[in-house]
Amino acid sequence: MQSRRKKKSFDDDINPDSWLATYADTITLLLTFFILLYSISSVDSEKLKQLTKSLQNSLSPTGSVEVAEIENITDLKVQGGNTEYENLSEKLNKIINDNALTDVIKIREEDRGIVLQLDETILFDPGKAKLKEDTQGVLEAITTIINGTENDVLIEGNTDNVPMKTAQYGSNWELSTARAVSVVRYFVESKSVDPRRFAVKGYGEYKPLVANDTPENRAINRRVDILIVEQKVKKDTKDAKEIKETKEIK
């Protein structure tokens, strides 16, 4: 008799709704996953509405699960970056290739934008800030690139770490800045590009690409970088619009 009572007591302790805890945890994890996915991506608003509706139905008291008709992850139209800016990179490469300037202009992408890197020897004589006469072909191509965009442009002068001390330039600061100004003046005065699009910086030896420990490395660091600035304002406006759409869904 005592054994039967114990068994009955054990059976009474079983909660028939205990599966709901596991179910709720699973739904919470799914919700967290999609929120994270949205936070790092640009999501098509219509697909997001479908997804939100599906999650709301899943969390309904009836416990029924309705899945929106999303065949695969690409239907969410997740865009891992600024498509217009990626197209700009392709456009710049095409212009450089078409003008046979791949050995003269190097392209690198940074968070700030796309950088056209020009070696010192292409533009200037050692220790000088006056543009060489034979730089016209290179700067013509870059003018085409600049005129083909609406982006702001930052011209950055850079040197190696060899001290500069002449009557004209007291340090690498002055030399790097003067070189950047010479390039800007070419675009503005010779090519009539809108001066409001430009800014100038002279970094001296303090923004090297590689260590200044060999003559070859120092030659790499002596350069002018032309930065096609990523249009943050336009991107931020787009992000704000998407956030607004998300709030409206809620």
Protein backbone atom coordinates (compact mmCIF):
# COMPACT_ATOMS: atom_id res chain seq x y z
CA MET A 1 0.00 0.00 0.00
CA GLN A 2 2.82 2.41 0.85
CA SER A 3 4.49 1.65 -2.49
CA ARG A 4 1.33 2.53 -4.38
CA ARG A 5 0.99 5.83 -2.56
CA LYS A 6 4.58 6.76 -3.45
CA LYS A 7 4.00 6.01 -7.12
CA LYS A 8 0.83 8.07 -7.12
CA SER A 9 2.66 10.98 -5.52
CA PHE A 10 5.40 10.81 -8.20
CA ASP A 11 2.84 10.81 -10.99
CA ASP A 12 1.11 13.78 -9.45
CA ASP A 13 4.38 15.82 -9.65
CA ILE A 14 4.61 15.53 -13.45
CA ASN A 15 3.71 18.84 -15.11
CA PRO A 16 1.97 18.19 -18.44
CA ASP A 17 2.83 21.76 -19.57
CA SER A 18 6.59 21.48 -18.94
CA TRP A 19 7.28 21.33 -22.70
CA LEU A 20 6.21 24.96 -22.94
CA ALA A 21 9.45 26.10 -21.30
CA THR A 22 11.56 24.41 -23.97
CA TYR A 23 9.25 25.72 -26.68
CA ALA A 24 9.49 29.29 -25.34
CA ASP A 25 13.29 29.08 -25.16
CA THR A 26 13.44 27.94 -28.79
CA ILE A 27 11.21 30.78 -29.97
CA THR A 28 13.25 33.30 -27.95
CA LEU A 29 16.47 32.08 -29.58
CA LEU A 30 14.90 32.39 -33.02
CA LEU A 31 13.70 35.89 -32.26
CA THR A 32 17.16 36.88 -30.99
CA PHE A 33 18.77 35.47 -34.14
CA PHE A 34 16.59 37.48 -36.49
CA ILE A 35 16.99 40.67 -34.45
CA LEU A 36 20.77 40.23 -34.66
CA LEU A 37 20.52 39.57 -38.39
CA TYR A 38 18.54 42.74 -38.88
CA SER A 39 20.87 44.84 -36.72
CA ILE A 40 23.87 44.11 -38.97
CA SER A 41 22.13 44.19 -42.32
CA SER A 42 19.73 46.08 -44.51
CA VAL A 43 16.54 44.04 -44.69
CA ASP A 44 13.75 44.40 -47.18
CA SER A 45 10.83 45.92 -45.24
CA GLU A 46 8.14 43.72 -46.82
CA LYS A 47 10.01 40.53 -45.96
CA LEU A 48 10.62 41.87 -42.46
CA LYS A 49 6.88 42.40 -42.03
CA GLN A 50 6.28 38.79 -43.04
CA LEU A 51 8.93 37.62 -40.61
CA THR A 52 7.54 39.73 -37.77
CA LYS A 53 4.02 38.42 -38.38
CA SER A 54 5.33 34.86 -38.34
CA LEU A 55 7.08 35.39 -34.99
CA GLN A 56 4.01 37.04 -33.49
CA ASN A 57 1.86 34.09 -34.53
CA SER A 58 4.44 31.71 -33.08
CA LEU A 59 4.21 33.47 -29.73
CA SER A 60 0.42 33.52 -29.70
CA PRO A 61 -1.45 31.75 -26.84
CA THR A 62 -2.71 29.04 -29.19
CA GLY A 63 0.84 27.79 -29.58
CA SER A 64 0.38 27.30 -33.32
CA VAL A 65 3.38 28.00 -35.51
CA GLU A 66 2.92 29.80 -38.83
CA VAL A 67 6.02 30.32 -40.94
CA ALA A 68 6.14 33.07 -43.53
CA GLU A 69 6.85 31.92 -47.06
CA ILE A 70 10.56 32.61 -47.21
CA GLU A 71 12.19 30.04 -49.42
CA ASN A 72 15.77 30.87 -48.54
CA ILE A 73 17.89 33.47 -46.79
CA THR A 74 18.41 35.49 -49.98
CA ASP A 75 14.71 36.37 -49.95
CA LEU A 76 15.49 38.68 -47.03
CA LYS A 77 17.67 40.72 -49.38
CA VAL A 78 20.44 41.11 -46.84
CA GLN A 79 22.95 43.52 -48.28
CA GLY A 80 26.38 43.25 -46.69
CA GLY A 81 27.51 46.75 -47.54
CA ASN A 82 26.76 49.81 -49.63
CA THR A 83 25.97 48.50 -53.13
CA GLU A 84 26.47 51.91 -54.74
CA TYR A 85 29.89 52.15 -53.18
CA GLU A 86 30.87 48.68 -54.34
CA ASN A 87 29.87 49.76 -57.87
CA LEU A 88 32.09 52.82 -57.50
CA SER A 89 35.07 50.59 -56.69
CA GLU A 90 34.45 48.58 -59.85
CA LYS A 91 34.13 51.77 -61.87
CA LEU A 92 37.43 53.13 -60.59
CA ASN A 93 39.22 49.91 -61.40
CA LYS A 94 37.82 49.95 -64.93
CA ILE A 95 39.02 53.51 -65.57
CA ILE A 96 42.49 52.66 -64.27
CA ASN A 97 42.67 49.50 -66.38
CA ASP A 98 41.38 51.26 -69.51
CA ASN A 99 44.08 53.92 -69.15
CA ALA A 100 46.85 51.35 -68.48
CA LEU A 101 47.57 52.91 -65.09
CA THR A 102 47.55 49.77 -62.93
CA ASP A 103 51.31 50.12 -62.33
CA VAL A 104 50.98 53.80 -61.47
CA ILE A 105 47.82 54.00 -59.36
CA LYS A 106 47.17 51.51 -56.61
CA ILE A 107 43.70 51.14 -55.09
CA ARG A 108 42.95 50.15 -51.54
CA GLU A 109 39.67 50.20 -49.67
CA GLU A 110 39.33 51.56 -46.16
CA ASP A 111 36.42 52.25 -43.83
CA ARG A 112 36.65 55.89 -44.85
CA GLY A 113 36.34 55.17 -48.57
CA ILE A 114 38.43 54.21 -51.60
CA VAL A 115 42.03 55.38 -51.77
CA LEU A 116 43.95 56.04 -54.97
CA GLN A 117 47.59 55.72 -54.00
CA LEU A 118 50.20 57.57 -56.08
CA ASP A 119 53.91 57.06 -55.59
CA GLU A 120 56.02 60.18 -54.97
CA THR A 121 58.14 59.59 -58.09
CA ILE A 122 55.06 59.83 -60.32
CA LEU A 123 54.23 63.35 -59.18
CA PHE A 124 57.28 65.02 -57.66
CA ASP A 125 61.04 65.19 -57.65
CA PRO A 126 62.70 64.31 -54.31
CA GLY A 127 62.18 67.02 -51.71
CA LYS A 128 59.97 69.06 -54.06
CA ALA A 129 56.27 69.89 -54.08
CA LYS A 130 55.94 71.14 -57.67
CA LEU A 131 54.15 68.71 -59.97
CA LYS A 132 56.24 67.17 -62.70
CA GLU A 133 55.41 68.09 -66.27
CA ASP A 134 54.78 64.46 -67.27
CA THR A 135 52.11 63.81 -64.62
CA GLN A 136 49.32 65.06 -66.88
CA GLY A 137 48.19 61.61 -68.09
CA VAL A 138 47.86 60.26 -64.55
CA LEU A 139 46.03 63.30 -63.19
CA GLU A 140 43.76 63.42 -66.26
CA ALA A 141 42.57 59.91 -65.45
CA ILE A 142 42.02 60.81 -61.82
CA THR A 143 40.09 63.91 -62.88
CA THR A 144 37.79 61.63 -64.87
CA ILE A 145 37.29 59.52 -61.75
CA ILE A 146 36.53 62.54 -59.56
CA ASN A 147 34.14 64.07 -62.08
CA GLY A 148 32.34 60.75 -62.34
CA THR A 149 31.31 60.86 -58.67
CA GLU A 150 29.65 63.29 -56.29
CA ASN A 151 31.79 62.17 -53.38
CA ASP A 152 34.03 64.50 -51.42
CA VAL A 153 37.75 64.08 -51.99
CA LEU A 154 40.53 64.17 -49.42
CA ILE A 155 44.11 64.66 -50.64
CA GLU A 156 46.70 63.32 -48.18
CA GLY A 157 50.43 63.92 -48.42
CA ASN A 158 52.82 61.39 -46.84
CA THR A 159 56.59 61.13 -46.52
CA ASP A 160 59.11 58.68 -45.12
CA ASN A 161 60.88 59.28 -41.80
CA VAL A 162 64.03 60.86 -43.23
CA PRO A 163 64.21 64.34 -41.66
CA MET A 164 63.44 67.25 -43.97
CA LYS A 165 65.17 70.56 -43.34
CA THR A 166 65.46 73.01 -46.20
CA ALA A 167 64.93 76.72 -46.63
CA GLN A 168 61.52 76.03 -48.16
CA TYR A 169 60.34 73.11 -46.01
CA GLY A 170 61.32 72.99 -42.37
CA SER A 171 59.93 69.47 -41.78
CA ASN A 172 58.09 66.61 -43.41
CA TRP A 173 54.86 68.25 -42.25
CA GLU A 174 55.40 71.20 -44.58
CA LEU A 175 56.54 69.04 -47.49
CA SER A 176 53.65 66.58 -47.28
CA THR A 177 51.09 69.37 -46.95
CA ALA A 178 52.58 71.37 -49.83
CA ARG A 179 52.40 68.30 -52.08
CA ALA A 180 48.78 67.70 -51.23
CA VAL A 181 47.97 71.36 -51.95
CA SER A 182 49.72 71.12 -55.33
CA VAL A 183 47.50 68.21 -56.33
CA VAL A 184 44.34 70.03 -55.20
CA ARG A 185 45.31 73.16 -57.08
CA TYR A 186 45.72 71.10 -60.27
CA PHE A 187 42.17 69.75 -60.00
CA VAL A 188 40.65 73.10 -59.06
CA GLU A 189 42.66 75.53 -61.19
CA SER A 190 43.53 73.41 -64.22
CA LYS A 191 40.43 71.19 -64.38
CA SER A 192 37.81 73.45 -62.77
CA VAL A 193 36.61 70.82 -60.30
CA ASP A 194 34.41 72.28 -57.56
CA PRO A 195 36.83 73.31 -54.76
CA ARG A 196 34.16 72.68 -52.13
CA ARG A 197 34.60 68.97 -52.65
CA PHE A 198 38.22 68.95 -51.51
CA ALA A 199 40.11 68.83 -48.24
CA VAL A 200 43.86 68.59 -47.66
CA LYS A 201 45.96 66.86 -45.01
CA GLY A 202 49.70 66.55 -44.57
CA TYR A 203 50.71 63.62 -42.36
CA GLY A 204 54.47 63.85 -42.74
CA GLU A 205 56.03 60.52 -41.75
CA TYR A 206 53.31 59.63 -39.24
CA LYS A 207 50.98 57.54 -41.44
CA PRO A 208 53.34 54.95 -42.98
CA LEU A 209 51.96 51.95 -44.84
CA VAL A 210 55.02 49.88 -43.96
CA ALA A 211 57.95 50.21 -41.57
CA ASN A 212 60.55 52.76 -42.61
CA ASP A 213 63.37 50.23 -42.22
CA THR A 214 64.57 49.79 -45.82
CA PRO A 215 64.95 52.07 -48.85
CA GLU A 216 62.19 50.10 -50.62
CA ASN A 217 59.78 50.58 -47.73
CA ARG A 218 60.56 54.27 -47.44
CA ALA A 219 59.78 54.64 -51.14
CA ILE A 220 56.35 53.05 -50.54
CA ASN A 221 55.59 55.52 -47.75
CA ARG A 222 56.47 58.55 -49.89
CA ARG A 223 53.10 58.95 -51.57
CA VAL A 224 49.99 61.03 -52.13
CA ASP A 225 46.70 59.34 -51.26
CA ILE A 226 43.54 60.55 -52.97
CA LEU A 227 40.61 59.41 -50.87
CA ILE A 228 37.19 59.19 -52.49
CA VAL A 229 35.20 59.65 -49.30
CA GLU A 230 32.26 57.33 -48.67
CA GLN A 231 29.15 59.45 -48.44
CA LYS A 232 28.25 58.83 -44.80
CA VAL A 233 25.40 61.34 -44.87
CA LYS A 234 23.56 59.47 -47.61
CA LYS A 235 24.18 56.15 -45.90
CA ASP A 236 22.98 57.48 -42.54
CA THR A 237 19.84 58.87 -44.18
CA LYS A 238 19.11 55.45 -45.66
CA ASP A 239 19.66 53.79 -42.28
CA ALA A 240 17.35 56.28 -40.58
CA LYS A 241 14.64 55.53 -43.13
CA GLU A 242 14.96 51.79 -42.49
CA ILE A 243 14.78 52.33 -38.72
CA LYS A 244 11.63 54.40 -39.19
CA GLU A 245 10.06 51.60 -41.26
CA THR A 246 10.92 49.11 -38.52
CA LYS A 247 9.20 51.26 -35.88
CA GLU A 248 6.11 51.50 -38.06
CA ILE A 249 5.98 47.70 -38.25
CA LYS A 250 5.93 47.50 -34.46
